[in-house]
Every structure is written in structure tokens, then in C-alpha cells.
Amino acid sequence: MDYTAAQSGFRQQPNMRLRNSSVDGPDGSQLFDDTSAAGPGAQGVYRNQQAGPQAAGLPGQSFLSDPMSNLAMVYGSSLASQGREMVDKNLDRFIPISKLKYYFAVDTVYVGKKLGILVFPYMHESWEVCYQQDIPVAPRFDVNAPDLYIPTMGFITYILVAGLALGTQDRFSPELLGVQASSALVWLIMEVLVVLLSLYLVTVNTDLTTIDLLAFSGYKYVGMIVGVVAGLLFGKTAYYLSLLWCCAAIFVFMIRTLRLKLLSEAAAEGKLVRGARNQLRMYLTMSIAAAQPIFMYWLTYHLIR
């Protein structure tokens, strides 16, 4: 038996459009895109699209968050620090950098006074080096302390003046200037080695170090520069006169400086020396002082014509 809507006695519910259903236009096309029914997956895709450029801009963030990479960075930094300490330790063994800082601790006042003593040492009275708790004070506080600033600058200036002298004589060439510099350096090293050997053979107990001897031997470049510049400006006669003056000055300077280092206390005070060992020390002091004028003339005579 067929039952219809009229026969069932119930009213047929009208067809109602749901809110989430699509609205079609006259031609059956959808007017609006339904985004309310999008699930979490679609929202995640949207978030990933926004976070994508930011995540792409930090490629090392995942690397830094890796525990193994952090451990490798710590291990590499520790190896670098250990290597730096090892290099500094071995370098200080052969080149005492901490001691070299002492010899370059100078100022303008010290340099001016030291140059005056090197050129005119006859009026200088006190030649003793000052100490503070058995440690010599820095050169800028004591004009009698040896330094490496004046010898270093003197050597460089001597090479420049030698190049100028060769240029005025139309004899300049880089090779000849290199020979001039290397010969001066070789003679300086040989002089220091001979003095060290002599001190060992004479068995002199002194606080002179190799750097001290290098400083004292380098002071002669000041007189050499004065002689060459005088020769370039006023001729050969001025060269000989100025070099003679500087040779006598460096001889007196070396005698008065080294006698406090090499001779005994009695000999340093000017008393009569009777012991054979003290006489050897006196001869050694005289030999070191007398060698300075010889080197000064040998390294400069060919620059003045």
C-alpha cells in the first residue's frame, strides 16, 4: 500500500539550504570558496607557507641545536687555545719577547738624553744602572739603562743614509744597498758572538746578557750617521773630523759603561788592579771599546768620496 505525504498526515519538511552548503549562481557555478570546512591540515599548510621564508633564512639554527656540533665547537676551541699557548711558550724560549719589551720601554726624554751622552759623554757623571728590588728599572726612568730602540732606529737610518750617499754618487742599486745592510748586520752579529766567547774564556761572572751586548754594540750607528751626514753636507774633511769625534765619544762611553759590568768593584772605582783575572777583564773591556771605532770607519769610509 502506497503512502503519500498527504496520506501520512505529516507535513513534508521544506528543503532548507544548509549554512555550509555552497551557493550556486544562475549558471551553476560556485560564487564563493568555502574555507570554513578546511581542516587542520589546510591551516598547517598556511602556517608553513608563512614560516617557510623565516626558516629558510636560518640554515645554521638546526646545526647549532645539534649537541654533536656544539661538542665539536668546544673541542676545536680548546685545541686552538692549547696550540696558541704552546707556540707562545716555544717562541718565548728562543725569542724572549717579555724581555724585549723592557728594552723598548723608552720615551722622547730618554732618547734625547741618551743621544746627548753618546755624542758628548765627557760631562756625564753617574753611570750606574738603577735597580728596584733587584730588577733594573725601565730605560725611560734611567738614562744609563741599555735599550734597543736607538740601535734599531740607528741601523735603519744608517741604511737609508748609505742609500742616499750611494745615490749622490750615481752608484745606487737595490743589490748594492742590500749588500750594505747585510754586511753591517753580519759584522754586528760576529762582534756580539766574539764578545760572548771572550767572556766565556775569561770566565767573567757578569749580569750582561746577549741583548745588552747587542744594544751596546748598536750604539755606534749614531756616530756613523753623524759622520756620513757631515761628509755629504760639507765634504770629506767634515766626515773625518766628525767621525773622529764620535769614535772618541763611543770609546769613552763603552769604557765607562762596561767597567761596571765586567771589572771588579775595586777596578770599577778606579783603584789599582793587581789580580791577573782583573787585568784580563780590563783588557777585554778595552778591546770591546777599541773595536767600535774600527767598525765605524770600516762601514762608512766607502760612502764618502
Protein backbone atom coordinates (compact mmCIF):
# COMPACT_ATOMS: atom_id res chain seq x y z
CA MET A 1 0.00 0.00 0.00
CA ASP A 2 1.45 3.26 -1.02
CA TYR A 3 1.52 6.07 1.38
CA THR A 4 1.98 9.56 0.22
CA ALA A 5 2.77 12.69 2.08
CA ALA A 6 -0.85 13.68 2.12
CA GLN A 7 -1.95 10.30 3.34
CA SER A 8 0.60 10.01 6.13
CA GLY A 9 -0.83 13.02 7.84
CA PHE A 10 2.59 14.52 8.33
CA ARG A 11 3.68 17.76 6.78
CA GLN A 12 6.63 17.39 4.49
CA GLN A 13 9.56 19.43 5.65
CA PRO A 14 10.72 22.01 3.17
CA ASN A 15 14.14 21.67 1.67
CA MET A 16 16.34 24.15 3.55
CA ARG A 17 19.78 25.13 2.39
CA LEU A 18 22.44 24.50 4.96
CA ARG A 19 24.72 27.33 6.02
CA ASN A 20 27.81 25.49 4.93
CA SER A 21 26.42 24.48 1.63
CA SER A 22 27.61 26.21 -1.45
CA VAL A 23 25.64 28.91 -3.16
CA ASP A 24 25.35 28.43 -6.82
CA GLY A 25 24.80 31.14 -9.28
CA PRO A 26 22.38 31.09 -12.10
CA ASP A 27 24.83 29.22 -14.27
CA GLY A 28 25.53 26.60 -11.60
CA SER A 29 28.99 27.94 -10.71
CA GLN A 30 30.10 28.45 -7.14
CA LEU A 31 30.17 32.09 -6.09
CA PHE A 32 32.42 31.81 -3.02
CA ASP A 33 35.12 29.36 -1.96
CA ASP A 34 34.22 27.53 1.20
CA THR A 35 37.11 27.80 3.63
CA SER A 36 35.25 27.15 6.83
CA ALA A 37 35.28 23.42 6.27
CA ALA A 38 39.06 23.35 5.89
CA GLY A 39 40.67 21.06 8.41
CA PRO A 40 43.79 21.42 10.47
CA GLY A 41 45.87 20.19 7.59
CA ALA A 42 45.00 23.18 5.45
CA GLN A 43 45.71 25.58 8.29
CA GLY A 44 49.05 23.87 8.85
CA VAL A 45 49.93 24.33 5.23
CA TYR A 46 49.10 28.01 5.56
CA ARG A 47 51.32 28.35 8.60
CA ASN A 48 54.13 26.52 6.90
CA GLN A 49 53.86 28.84 3.93
CA GLN A 50 54.27 31.83 6.26
CA ALA A 51 57.08 30.30 8.30
CA GLY A 52 58.85 28.95 5.26
CA PRO A 53 60.91 32.05 4.35
CA GLN A 54 61.89 32.58 8.00
CA ALA A 55 63.01 29.01 8.39
CA ALA A 56 64.89 29.21 5.12
CA GLY A 57 66.71 32.34 6.34
CA LEU A 58 68.31 30.49 9.32
CA PRO A 59 70.08 27.43 7.89
CA GLY A 60 72.55 27.19 10.82
CA GLN A 61 69.86 27.05 13.52
CA SER A 62 69.46 23.31 13.21
CA PHE A 63 73.25 22.92 13.16
CA LEU A 64 73.70 24.89 16.38
CA SER A 65 70.94 22.94 18.08
CA ASP A 66 72.78 19.70 17.37
CA PRO A 67 74.62 18.50 20.54
CA MET A 68 77.39 16.90 18.49
CA SER A 69 78.12 20.15 16.67
CA ASN A 70 78.31 22.03 19.98
CA LEU A 71 80.73 19.44 21.33
CA ALA A 72 82.88 19.75 18.20
CA MET A 73 82.99 23.53 18.54
CA VAL A 74 84.08 23.32 22.19
CA TYR A 75 86.73 20.73 21.35
CA GLY A 76 88.05 22.84 18.46
CA SER A 77 88.29 25.99 20.59
CA SER A 78 90.18 24.08 23.30
CA LEU A 79 92.64 22.75 20.71
CA ALA A 80 93.18 26.26 19.34
CA SER A 81 93.89 27.67 22.82
CA GLN A 82 96.32 24.85 23.61
CA GLY A 83 98.13 25.41 20.31
CA ARG A 84 98.41 29.14 20.96
CA GLU A 85 99.86 28.51 24.43
CA MET A 86 102.38 26.03 23.00
CA VAL A 87 103.50 28.47 20.30
CA ASP A 88 103.88 31.30 22.82
CA LYS A 89 105.89 29.08 25.16
CA ASN A 90 108.29 27.85 22.49
CA LEU A 91 108.62 31.31 20.95
CA ASP A 92 109.50 32.83 24.32
CA ARG A 93 112.17 30.16 24.75
CA PHE A 94 114.11 31.29 21.67
CA ILE A 95 112.97 34.93 21.44
CA PRO A 96 112.34 36.42 24.91
CA ILE A 97 109.51 38.71 23.92
CA SER A 98 108.79 39.66 27.52
CA LYS A 99 112.39 40.82 27.92
CA LEU A 100 112.37 42.67 24.62
CA LYS A 101 109.51 44.83 25.88
CA TYR A 102 111.85 46.13 28.60
CA TYR A 103 114.44 47.30 26.05
CA PHE A 104 111.85 49.23 24.05
CA ALA A 105 110.27 50.98 27.05
CA VAL A 106 111.61 54.43 26.13
CA ASP A 107 110.22 57.91 25.68
CA THR A 108 111.29 61.11 23.97
CA VAL A 109 113.15 62.45 27.00
CA TYR A 110 115.20 59.29 27.33
CA VAL A 111 116.10 59.22 23.64
CA GLY A 112 117.23 62.85 23.70
CA LYS A 113 119.39 62.38 26.81
CA LYS A 114 120.86 59.12 25.51
CA LEU A 115 121.83 60.65 22.19
CA GLY A 116 123.49 63.51 24.04
CA ILE A 117 125.53 61.05 26.12
CA LEU A 118 126.55 59.08 23.04
CA VAL A 119 127.83 62.19 21.27
CA PHE A 120 129.21 64.02 24.32
CA PRO A 121 129.82 61.58 27.22
CA TYR A 122 132.52 63.60 28.96
CA MET A 123 130.25 65.58 31.29
CA HIS A 124 128.10 62.65 32.38
CA GLU A 125 128.97 61.65 35.94
CA SER A 126 126.82 58.79 37.23
CA TRP A 127 127.00 55.66 35.09
CA GLU A 128 125.38 53.15 37.43
CA VAL A 129 122.14 51.45 36.47
CA CYS A 130 119.27 51.91 38.91
CA TYR A 131 117.57 48.85 40.37
CA GLN A 132 114.23 48.31 42.05
CA GLN A 133 114.01 45.10 44.08
CA ASP A 134 116.97 43.58 42.23
CA ILE A 135 115.32 44.37 38.89
CA PRO A 136 116.67 47.15 36.64
CA VAL A 137 114.20 49.91 36.04
CA ALA A 138 112.88 50.64 32.56
CA PRO A 139 115.08 52.76 30.29
CA ARG A 140 112.64 55.65 30.33
CA PHE A 141 113.32 56.01 34.07
CA ASP A 142 117.11 55.53 33.88
CA VAL A 143 119.27 57.03 31.15
CA ASN A 144 122.08 54.55 31.91
CA ALA A 145 119.94 51.50 31.13
CA PRO A 146 120.59 49.85 27.77
CA ASP A 147 117.85 49.90 25.16
CA LEU A 148 117.22 48.51 21.70
CA TYR A 149 115.22 51.40 20.31
CA ILE A 150 118.20 53.61 19.49
CA PRO A 151 120.29 50.75 17.99
CA THR A 152 117.35 49.58 15.86
CA MET A 153 116.48 53.05 14.60
CA GLY A 154 120.19 53.77 14.15
CA PHE A 155 120.66 50.69 11.98
CA ILE A 156 117.66 51.54 9.79
CA THR A 157 118.75 55.18 9.49
CA TYR A 158 122.28 54.11 8.61
CA ILE A 159 120.96 52.01 5.72
CA LEU A 160 118.85 54.93 4.47
CA VAL A 161 121.77 57.35 4.71
CA ALA A 162 124.00 54.85 2.92
CA GLY A 163 121.46 54.65 0.10
CA LEU A 164 121.40 58.43 -0.08
CA ALA A 165 125.18 58.59 -0.24
CA LEU A 166 125.29 55.98 -2.99
CA GLY A 167 122.60 57.85 -4.90
CA THR A 168 124.52 61.13 -4.85
CA GLN A 169 127.47 59.28 -6.38
CA ASP A 170 125.35 57.58 -9.07
CA ARG A 171 126.19 54.20 -7.60
CA PHE A 172 122.82 53.31 -6.12
CA SER A 173 121.24 49.95 -6.82
CA PRO A 174 118.96 47.72 -4.74
CA GLU A 175 121.55 44.95 -4.81
CA LEU A 176 124.29 47.22 -3.51
CA LEU A 177 122.04 48.57 -0.77
CA GLY A 178 121.17 45.00 0.23
CA VAL A 179 124.86 44.13 0.41
CA GLN A 180 125.43 47.18 2.59
CA ALA A 181 122.66 46.18 5.01
CA SER A 182 123.62 42.50 5.17
CA SER A 183 127.30 43.26 5.73
CA ALA A 184 126.51 45.65 8.59
CA LEU A 185 124.23 43.06 10.18
CA VAL A 186 126.77 40.26 9.80
CA TRP A 187 129.53 42.35 11.37
CA LEU A 188 127.24 43.19 14.28
CA ILE A 189 126.39 39.54 14.91
CA MET A 190 130.03 38.49 14.65
CA GLU A 191 131.02 41.19 17.13
CA VAL A 192 128.46 40.01 19.68
CA LEU A 193 129.50 36.36 19.24
CA VAL A 194 133.17 37.20 19.71
CA VAL A 195 132.41 39.13 22.90
CA LEU A 196 130.33 36.25 24.25
CA LEU A 197 133.15 33.82 23.51
CA SER A 198 135.67 36.11 25.18
CA LEU A 199 133.52 36.40 28.28
CA TYR A 200 133.28 32.62 28.43
CA LEU A 201 137.01 32.13 28.06
CA VAL A 202 137.88 34.76 30.66
CA THR A 203 135.19 33.30 32.98
CA VAL A 204 133.63 36.64 33.81
CA ASN A 205 130.65 36.49 36.12
CA THR A 206 128.52 39.35 34.92
CA ASP A 207 124.87 40.22 34.54
CA LEU A 208 125.40 41.23 30.93
CA THR A 209 123.03 39.42 28.60
CA THR A 210 123.21 38.89 24.87
CA ILE A 211 120.61 41.61 24.37
CA ASP A 212 122.71 44.01 26.45
CA LEU A 213 125.73 43.36 24.26
CA LEU A 214 123.59 43.82 21.16
CA ALA A 215 122.39 47.17 22.49
CA PHE A 216 125.88 48.41 23.39
CA SER A 217 127.25 47.31 20.02
CA GLY A 218 124.41 49.06 18.19
CA TYR A 219 125.08 52.46 19.71
CA LYS A 220 127.94 53.05 17.28
CA TYR A 221 125.43 53.61 14.44
CA VAL A 222 124.69 57.04 15.90
CA GLY A 223 128.26 58.21 15.33
CA MET A 224 128.33 56.58 11.91
CA ILE A 225 125.23 58.52 10.85
CA VAL A 226 126.70 61.79 12.11
CA GLY A 227 129.93 61.19 10.17
CA VAL A 228 128.23 60.27 6.88
CA VAL A 229 125.75 63.15 7.04
CA ALA A 230 128.58 65.60 7.77
CA GLY A 231 130.52 64.21 4.83
CA LEU A 232 127.54 64.56 2.50
CA LEU A 233 126.93 68.16 3.55
CA PHE A 234 130.44 69.56 4.00
CA GLY A 235 132.82 67.17 2.27
CA LYS A 236 135.38 64.58 3.23
CA THR A 237 137.18 66.77 5.78
CA ALA A 238 134.00 67.20 7.79
CA TYR A 239 133.47 63.45 7.60
CA TYR A 240 136.84 62.67 9.14
CA LEU A 241 136.54 65.32 11.86
CA SER A 242 133.03 64.34 12.91
CA LEU A 243 133.82 60.63 12.75
CA LEU A 244 136.92 61.15 14.87
CA TRP A 245 134.87 62.95 17.49
CA CYS A 246 132.20 60.24 17.52
CA CYS A 247 134.81 57.48 17.71
CA ALA A 248 136.38 59.07 20.78
CA ALA A 249 132.92 59.56 22.31
CA ILE A 250 131.86 55.93 21.80
CA PHE A 251 135.20 54.73 23.19
CA VAL A 252 134.69 56.70 26.40
CA PHE A 253 131.05 55.63 26.59
CA MET A 254 131.90 51.93 26.30
CA ILE A 255 134.73 52.13 28.83
CA ARG A 256 132.62 53.86 31.47
CA THR A 257 129.64 51.60 30.86
CA LEU A 258 131.32 48.21 30.65
CA ARG A 259 133.74 48.70 33.52
CA LEU A 260 130.80 48.49 35.92
CA LYS A 261 129.71 45.25 34.28
CA LEU A 262 133.00 43.44 33.65
CA LEU A 263 135.56 44.70 36.14
CA SER A 264 135.54 44.08 39.86
CA GLU A 265 134.27 46.68 42.29
CA ALA A 266 137.79 47.93 43.05
CA ALA A 267 138.65 48.34 39.37
CA ALA A 268 135.30 49.99 38.65
CA GLU A 269 136.05 52.58 41.35
CA GLY A 270 139.37 53.44 39.67
CA LYS A 271 141.69 51.65 42.11
CA LEU A 272 144.80 49.75 41.07
CA VAL A 273 144.12 46.33 39.62
CA ARG A 274 146.61 43.69 40.72
CA GLY A 275 144.96 40.34 40.04
CA ALA A 276 145.60 38.54 36.78
CA ARG A 277 141.89 37.89 36.26
CA ASN A 278 141.06 41.56 36.76
CA GLN A 279 143.73 42.51 34.26
CA LEU A 280 142.17 40.17 31.71
CA ARG A 281 138.83 41.79 32.33
CA MET A 282 140.38 45.22 31.87
CA TYR A 283 141.97 44.17 28.57
CA LEU A 284 138.68 42.73 27.43
CA THR A 285 136.88 45.97 28.25
CA MET A 286 139.47 47.99 26.38
CA SER A 287 139.27 45.65 23.38
CA ILE A 288 135.48 45.92 23.14
CA ALA A 289 135.67 49.71 23.35
CA ALA A 290 138.51 49.94 20.81
CA ALA A 291 136.64 47.75 18.31
CA GLN A 292 133.83 50.29 17.98
CA PRO A 293 135.83 52.98 16.11
CA ILE A 294 137.25 50.33 13.79
CA PHE A 295 133.79 49.15 12.76
CA MET A 296 132.59 52.74 12.43
CA TYR A 297 135.32 53.57 9.93
CA TRP A 298 135.09 50.24 8.08
CA LEU A 299 131.37 50.59 7.41
CA THR A 300 131.41 54.25 6.33
CA TYR A 301 134.65 55.17 4.58
CA HIS A 302 133.48 53.94 1.15
CA LEU A 303 130.33 56.08 1.32
CA ILE A 304 132.23 59.40 1.12
CA ARG A 305 134.20 60.28 -1.99
